[in-house]
PDB file of N, CA and C in Angstrom:
ATOM      1  N   MET A   1      86.291 126.976 102.915  1.00  0.00           N
ATOM      2  CA  MET A   1      85.851 125.653 103.569  1.00  0.00           C
ATOM      3  C   MET A   1      84.785 124.400 102.011  1.00  0.00           C
ATOM      4  N   ASP A   2      85.681 123.307 101.991  1.00  0.00           N
ATOM      5  CA  ASP A   2      84.467 122.174 100.849  1.00  0.00           C
ATOM      6  C   ASP A   2      83.361 122.194 101.254  1.00  0.00           C
ATOM      7  N   LYS A   3      82.479 121.258 100.213  1.00  0.00           N
ATOM      8  CA  LYS A   3      80.993 120.803 100.854  1.00  0.00           C
ATOM      9  C   LYS A   3      81.827 120.171 101.473  1.00  0.00           C
ATOM     10  N   SER A   4      82.129 119.179 101.203  1.00  0.00           N
ATOM     11  CA  SER A   4      81.948 117.872 103.041  1.00  0.00           C
ATOM     12  C   SER A   4      82.564 118.545 103.606  1.00  0.00           C
ATOM     13  N   ALA A   5      83.655 119.226 104.491  1.00  0.00           N
ATOM     14  CA  ALA A   5      83.740 119.719 105.399  1.00  0.00           C
ATOM     15  C   ALA A   5      81.902 120.190 105.841  1.00  0.00           C
ATOM     16  N   LYS A   6      82.046 121.352 105.659  1.00  0.00           N
ATOM     17  CA  LYS A   6      80.944 122.207 105.750  1.00  0.00           C
ATOM     18  C   LYS A   6      79.639 121.297 105.735  1.00  0.00           C
ATOM     19  N   VAL A   7      79.825 120.591 104.768  1.00  0.00           N
ATOM     20  CA  VAL A   7      78.311 119.389 105.506  1.00  0.00           C
ATOM     21  C   VAL A   7      78.647 118.280 106.892  1.00  0.00           C
ATOM     22  N   LEU A   8      79.874 118.082 107.149  1.00  0.00           N
ATOM     23  CA  LEU A   8      79.979 117.871 108.620  1.00  0.00           C
ATOM     24  C   LEU A   8      80.248 118.555 109.513  1.00  0.00           C
ATOM     25  N   GLU A   9      80.282 119.459 109.309  1.00  0.00           N
ATOM     26  CA  GLU A   9      80.326 120.809 110.307  1.00  0.00           C
ATOM     27  C   GLU A   9      78.485 121.208 111.191  1.00  0.00           C
ATOM     28  N   ILE A  10      78.188 120.898 109.652  1.00  0.00           N
ATOM     29  CA  ILE A  10      76.378 121.273 110.555  1.00  0.00           C
ATOM     30  C   ILE A  10      75.904 120.469 110.984  1.00  0.00           C
ATOM     31  N   LEU A  11      76.274 119.202 110.328  1.00  0.00           N
ATOM     32  CA  LEU A  11      75.645 117.764 111.058  1.00  0.00           C
ATOM     33  C   LEU A  11      76.548 117.931 112.774  1.00  0.00           C
ATOM     34  N   GLU A  12      77.763 118.095 112.604  1.00  0.00           N
ATOM     35  CA  GLU A  12      78.443 117.806 114.355  1.00  0.00           C
ATOM     36  C   GLU A  12      77.633 118.577 115.294  1.00  0.00           C
ATOM     37  N   GLN A  13      77.222 119.275 115.005  1.00  0.00           N
ATOM     38  CA  GLN A  13      75.930 120.448 115.436  1.00  0.00           C
ATOM     39  C   GLN A  13      74.961 119.706 116.854  1.00  0.00           C
ATOM     40  N   TYR A  14      74.557 118.218 115.749  1.00  0.00           N
ATOM     41  CA  TYR A  14      73.267 117.509 115.767  1.00  0.00           C
ATOM     42  C   TYR A  14      73.983 116.318 116.737  1.00  0.00           C
ATOM     43  N   LEU A  15      74.785 116.490 116.815  1.00  0.00           N
ATOM     44  CA  LEU A  15      75.202 114.611 117.793  1.00  0.00           C
ATOM     45  C   LEU A  15      74.955 115.085 118.969  1.00  0.00           C
ATOM     46  N   ASP A  16      74.685 113.547 119.351  1.00  0.00           N
ATOM     47  CA  ASP A  16      74.245 113.494 120.864  1.00  0.00           C
ATOM     48  C   ASP A  16      75.707 113.534 121.402  1.00  0.00           C
ATOM     49  N   GLU A  17      76.802 113.126 121.096  1.00  0.00           N
ATOM     50  CA  GLU A  17      78.118 112.729 121.528  1.00  0.00           C
ATOM     51  C   GLU A  17      78.865 113.346 121.007  1.00  0.00           C
ATOM     52  N   PRO A  18      79.931 114.639 121.368  1.00  0.00           N
ATOM     53  CA  PRO A  18      80.285 115.341 120.282  1.00  0.00           C
ATOM     54  C   PRO A  18      82.210 114.679 120.093  1.00  0.00           C
ATOM     55  N   GLY A  19      82.331 114.295 118.634  1.00  0.00           N
ATOM     56  CA  GLY A  19      83.407 114.410 118.452  1.00  0.00           C
ATOM     57  C   GLY A  19      83.202 113.890 116.413  1.00  0.00           C
ATOM     58  N   LYS A  20      84.620 114.170 116.641  1.00  0.00           N
ATOM     59  CA  LYS A  20      84.397 114.035 114.814  1.00  0.00           C
ATOM     60  C   LYS A  20      83.679 113.091 114.875  1.00  0.00           C
ATOM     61  N   LEU A  21      82.770 113.376 113.244  1.00  0.00           N
ATOM     62  CA  LEU A  21      82.428 112.503 112.200  1.00  0.00           C
ATOM     63  C   LEU A  21      82.739 112.419 110.925  1.00  0.00           C
ATOM     64  N   SER A  22      82.814 110.774 109.950  1.00  0.00           N
ATOM     65  CA  SER A  22      83.371 111.079 109.123  1.00  0.00           C
ATOM     66  C   SER A  22      82.824 110.754 108.251  1.00  0.00           C
ATOM     67  N   LEU A  23      83.024 110.964 106.858  1.00  0.00           N
ATOM     68  CA  LEU A  23      82.266 110.229 105.512  1.00  0.00           C
ATOM     69  C   LEU A  23      80.630 109.135 105.335  1.00  0.00           C
ATOM     70  N   ASP A  24      81.056 108.398 106.386  1.00  0.00           N
ATOM     71  CA  ASP A  24      80.792 106.999 106.584  1.00  0.00           C
ATOM     72  C   ASP A  24      80.412 106.727 108.194  1.00  0.00           C
ATOM     73  N   ASP A  25      80.389 107.585 108.663  1.00  0.00           N
ATOM     74  CA  ASP A  25      79.637 106.959 109.964  1.00  0.00           C
ATOM     75  C   ASP A  25      78.176 106.692 110.120  1.00  0.00           C
ATOM     76  N   ASN A  26      77.684 106.236 110.525  1.00  0.00           N
ATOM     77  CA  ASN A  26      75.855 106.201 110.655  1.00  0.00           C
ATOM     78  C   ASN A  26      75.962 107.217 111.548  1.00  0.00           C
ATOM     79  N   LEU A  27      74.041 108.026 111.011  1.00  0.00           N
ATOM     80  CA  LEU A  27      74.373 108.915 111.425  1.00  0.00           C
ATOM     81  C   LEU A  27      73.088 108.992 112.577  1.00  0.00           C
ATOM     82  N   LEU A  28      72.605 107.383 112.069  1.00  0.00           N
ATOM     83  CA  LEU A  28      71.183 107.451 113.361  1.00  0.00           C
ATOM     84  C   LEU A  28      72.309 106.363 114.696  1.00  0.00           C
ATOM     85  N   GLU A  29      73.302 105.723 114.361  1.00  0.00           N
ATOM     86  CA  GLU A  29      74.009 105.422 115.537  1.00  0.00           C
ATOM     87  C   GLU A  29      74.930 106.479 116.483  1.00  0.00           C
ATOM     88  N   ARG A  30      75.269 107.570 116.102  1.00  0.00           N
ATOM     89  CA  ARG A  30      75.587 108.637 115.912  1.00  0.00           C
ATOM     90  C   ARG A  30      75.408 109.973 116.812  1.00  0.00           C
ATOM     91  N   GLY A  31      73.822 109.193 117.015  1.00  0.00           N
ATOM     92  CA  GLY A  31      72.288 110.314 117.695  1.00  0.00           C
ATOM     93  C   GLY A  31      72.102 111.421 117.160  1.00  0.00           C
ATOM     94  N   ILE A  32      71.475 111.052 116.020  1.00  0.00           N
ATOM     95  CA  ILE A  32      70.896 112.034 115.131  1.00  0.00           C
ATOM     96  C   ILE A  32      69.180 111.434 115.105  1.00  0.00           C
ATOM     97  N   SER A  33      69.009 112.491 115.331  1.00  0.00           N
ATOM     98  CA  SER A  33      67.310 112.136 115.655  1.00  0.00           C
ATOM     99  C   SER A  33      66.797 112.178 114.079  1.00  0.00           C
ATOM    100  N   SER A  34      64.599 111.715 113.934  1.00  0.00           N
ATOM    101  CA  SER A  34      64.401 112.209 112.940  1.00  0.00           C
ATOM    102  C   SER A  34      64.210 114.119 112.958  1.00  0.00           C
ATOM    103  N   TYR A  35      64.391 113.813 114.268  1.00  0.00           N
ATOM    104  CA  TYR A  35      63.860 116.166 114.479  1.00  0.00           C
ATOM    105  C   TYR A  35      64.857 116.252 114.264  1.00  0.00           C
ATOM    106  N   ASN A  36      65.719 116.472 114.680  1.00  0.00           N
ATOM    107  CA  ASN A  36      67.812 116.818 114.747  1.00  0.00           C
ATOM    108  C   ASN A  36      67.589 117.168 113.018  1.00  0.00           C
ATOM    109  N   PHE A  37      66.492 116.046 111.872  1.00  0.00           N
ATOM    110  CA  PHE A  37      67.102 115.713 110.883  1.00  0.00           C
ATOM    111  C   PHE A  37      66.523 116.213 109.597  1.00  0.00           C
ATOM    112  N   LEU A  38      65.212 116.653 110.336  1.00  0.00           N
ATOM    113  CA  LEU A  38      64.841 118.240 110.243  1.00  0.00           C
ATOM    114  C   LEU A  38      65.372 119.273 110.391  1.00  0.00           C
ATOM    115  N   LYS A  39      65.906 119.693 111.538  1.00  0.00           N
ATOM    116  CA  LYS A  39      66.740 121.197 111.201  1.00  0.00           C
ATOM    117  C   LYS A  39      67.988 120.559 110.251  1.00  0.00           C
ATOM    118  N   ILE A  40      68.590 119.581 110.584  1.00  0.00           N
ATOM    119  CA  ILE A  40      69.588 119.530 109.358  1.00  0.00           C
ATOM    120  C   ILE A  40      69.375 119.811 107.745  1.00  0.00           C
ATOM    121  N   VAL A  41      68.228 119.058 107.808  1.00  0.00           N
ATOM    122  CA  VAL A  41      67.733 119.682 106.193  1.00  0.00           C
ATOM    123  C   VAL A  41      67.589 121.061 105.886  1.00  0.00           C
ATOM    124  N   VAL A  42      67.031 121.668 106.271  1.00  0.00           N
ATOM    125  CA  VAL A  42      66.606 123.114 106.962  1.00  0.00           C
ATOM    126  C   VAL A  42      68.525 124.006 106.793  1.00  0.00           C
ATOM    127  N   ASP A  43      69.031 123.242 107.550  1.00  0.00           N
ATOM    128  CA  ASP A  43      69.901 124.472 107.636  1.00  0.00           C
ATOM    129  C   ASP A  43      71.255 124.271 105.681  1.00  0.00           C
ATOM    130  N   LEU A  44      71.110 122.630 105.883  1.00  0.00           N
ATOM    131  CA  LEU A  44      71.614 122.471 104.011  1.00  0.00           C
ATOM    132  C   LEU A  44      70.925 122.645 103.259  1.00  0.00           C
ATOM    133  N   GLU A  45      70.114 123.168 103.038  1.00  0.00           N
ATOM    134  CA  GLU A  45      69.240 123.878 102.482  1.00  0.00           C
ATOM    135  C   GLU A  45      69.698 125.534 102.061  1.00  0.00           C
ATOM    136  N   ASN A  46      70.009 125.863 103.454  1.00  0.00           N
ATOM    137  CA  ASN A  46      70.296 127.375 104.075  1.00  0.00           C
ATOM    138  C   ASN A  46      71.587 127.872 103.251  1.00  0.00           C
ATOM    139  N   GLU A  47      72.135 126.747 103.482  1.00  0.00           N
ATOM    140  CA  GLU A  47      73.878 126.709 103.569  1.00  0.00           C
ATOM    141  C   GLU A  47      73.981 126.462 102.120  1.00  0.00           C
ATOM    142  N   PHE A  48      73.432 125.789 100.831  1.00  0.00           N
ATOM    143  CA  PHE A  48      74.203 125.093  99.834  1.00  0.00           C
ATOM    144  C   PHE A  48      72.710 125.973  98.707  1.00  0.00           C
ATOM    145  N   ASP A  49      72.346 126.580  99.969  1.00  0.00           N
ATOM    146  CA  ASP A  49      71.412 127.610  98.756  1.00  0.00           C
ATOM    147  C   ASP A  49      70.188 126.896  97.798  1.00  0.00           C
ATOM    148  N   MET A  50      69.922 125.896  98.753  1.00  0.00           N
ATOM    149  CA  MET A  50      69.270 124.706  97.089  1.00  0.00           C
ATOM    150  C   MET A  50      68.023 123.868  98.154  1.00  0.00           C
ATOM    151  N   GLU A  51      67.005 123.126  98.159  1.00  0.00           N
ATOM    152  CA  GLU A  51      66.214 122.511  98.343  1.00  0.00           C
ATOM    153  C   GLU A  51      66.012 121.204  97.470  1.00  0.00           C
ATOM    154  N   PHE A  52      65.875 120.067  98.836  1.00  0.00           N
ATOM    155  CA  PHE A  52      65.822 118.639  98.847  1.00  0.00           C
ATOM    156  C   PHE A  52      64.314 118.099  98.022  1.00  0.00           C
ATOM    157  N   ASP A  53      64.755 117.248  97.030  1.00  0.00           N
ATOM    158  CA  ASP A  53      63.672 116.352  96.835  1.00  0.00           C
ATOM    159  C   ASP A  53      62.837 116.220  97.209  1.00  0.00           C
ATOM    160  N   PRO A  54      61.554 116.797  98.332  1.00  0.00           N
ATOM    161  CA  PRO A  54      60.856 115.849  99.123  1.00  0.00           C
ATOM    162  C   PRO A  54      59.975 114.672  98.725  1.00  0.00           C
ATOM    163  N   GLU A  55      60.626 114.054  97.367  1.00  0.00           N
ATOM    164  CA  GLU A  55      60.378 112.357  97.890  1.00  0.00           C
ATOM    165  C   GLU A  55      61.794 111.679  98.233  1.00  0.00           C
ATOM    166  N   GLU A  56      62.571 112.520  97.816  1.00  0.00           N
ATOM    167  CA  GLU A  56      64.179 111.780  97.937  1.00  0.00           C
ATOM    168  C   GLU A  56      64.084 112.295 100.252  1.00  0.00           C
ATOM    169  N   LEU A  57      63.676 113.356 100.741  1.00  0.00           N
ATOM    170  CA  LEU A  57      63.653 113.291 102.205  1.00  0.00           C
ATOM    171  C   LEU A  57      63.441 111.643 102.666  1.00  0.00           C
ATOM    172  N   ASN A  58      63.446 111.113 102.613  1.00  0.00           N
ATOM    173  CA  ASN A  58      63.720 109.670 103.847  1.00  0.00           C
ATOM    174  C   ASN A  58      64.840 109.515 104.747  1.00  0.00           C
ATOM    175  N   TYR A  59      64.401 109.611 106.154  1.00  0.00           N
ATOM    176  CA  TYR A  59      65.035 109.408 107.233  1.00  0.00           C
ATOM    177  C   TYR A  59      65.971 108.831 107.085  1.00  0.00           C
ATOM    178  N   ASN A  60      65.672 107.320 106.396  1.00  0.00           N
ATOM    179  CA  ASN A  60      66.540 106.164 106.844  1.00  0.00           C
ATOM    180  C   ASN A  60      66.882 106.486 105.249  1.00  0.00           C
ATOM    181  N   LEU A  61      67.303 106.483 104.399  1.00  0.00           N
ATOM    182  CA  LEU A  61      67.673 106.938 103.222  1.00  0.00           C
ATOM    183  C   LEU A  61      68.714 107.580 103.426  1.00  0.00           C
ATOM    184  N   PHE A  62      69.219 108.500 104.124  1.00  0.00           N
ATOM    185  CA  PHE A  62      69.798 109.250 104.705  1.00  0.00           C
ATOM    186  C   PHE A  62      70.798 109.150 105.831  1.00  0.00           C
ATOM    187  N   GLN A  63      72.004 107.674 106.225  1.00  0.00           N
ATOM    188  CA  GLN A  63      72.095 107.056 107.072  1.00  0.00           C
ATOM    189  C   GLN A  63      73.329 108.005 107.072  1.00  0.00           C
ATOM    190  N   THR A  64      73.968 107.679 106.604  1.00  0.00           N
ATOM    191  CA  THR A  64      75.293 108.596 106.401  1.00  0.00           C
ATOM    192  C   THR A  64      75.876 110.439 105.647  1.00  0.00           C
ATOM    193  N   PRO A  65      77.093 110.931 106.288  1.00  0.00           N
ATOM    194  CA  PRO A  65      76.242 112.366 105.893  1.00  0.00           C
ATOM    195  C   PRO A  65      77.613 112.167 103.926  1.00  0.00           C
ATOM    196  N   ALA A  66      77.661 110.910 103.632  1.00  0.00           N
ATOM    197  CA  ALA A  66      78.175 110.627 102.192  1.00  0.00           C
ATOM    198  C   ALA A  66      76.828 110.580 101.511  1.00  0.00           C
ATOM    199  N   THR A  67      76.370 110.553 102.379  1.00  0.00           N
ATOM    200  CA  THR A  67      74.502 109.558 101.894  1.00  0.00           C
ATOM    201  C   THR A  67      73.967 111.447 101.564  1.00  0.00           C
ATOM    202  N   LEU A  68      73.644 112.144 102.409  1.00  0.00           N
ATOM    203  CA  LEU A  68      73.879 113.615 101.719  1.00  0.00           C
ATOM    204  C   LEU A  68      74.207 114.535 101.033  1.00  0.00           C
ATOM    205  N   ILE A  69      74.955 114.236 101.186  1.00  0.00           N
ATOM    206  CA  ILE A  69      76.103 114.770 100.450  1.00  0.00           C
ATOM    207  C   ILE A  69      76.013 114.789  98.788  1.00  0.00           C
ATOM    208  N   ARG A  70      76.024 113.248  98.331  1.00  0.00           N
ATOM    209  CA  ARG A  70      75.968 112.990  97.093  1.00  0.00           C
ATOM    210  C   ARG A  70      73.767 113.304  96.542  1.00  0.00           C
ATOM    211  N   CYS A  71      73.511 114.373  97.322  1.00  0.00           N
ATOM    212  CA  CYS A  71      71.589 114.116  97.539  1.00  0.00           C
ATOM    213  C   CYS A  71      72.027 116.025  97.043  1.00  0.00           C
ATOM    214  N   ILE A  72      72.473 116.558  97.575  1.00  0.00           N
ATOM    215  CA  ILE A  72      72.992 118.052  97.867  1.00  0.00           C
ATOM    216  C   ILE A  72      73.241 118.158  96.245  1.00  0.00           C
ATOM    217  N   GLU A  73      74.126 117.317  95.744  1.00  0.00           N
ATOM    218  CA  GLU A  73      75.687 117.281  94.918  1.00  0.00           C
ATOM    219  C   GLU A  73      74.685 117.070  93.530  1.00  0.00           C
ATOM    220  N   LYS A  74      74.067 116.556  93.660  1.00  0.00           N
ATOM    221  CA  LYS A  74      72.678 116.834  92.900  1.00  0.00           C
ATOM    222  C   LYS A  74      72.535 117.676  91.663  1.00  0.00           C
TER     223      LYS A  74
END
């Protein structure tokens, strides 16, 4: 499974309403809360064996799966 597909799989676990998520979907509009965002960060760090820069962890900056993926790929 490629990185993008894995990120989408992780994010879909936290949606308020089930359904496929695209790279450009707005996570806030799809029901990802700030609390779930923290859980997602931990899941992503564990899955990809990396750590997000704490200064970049702004819930409002990661509005789409694509922005999360770009940060993981840094």
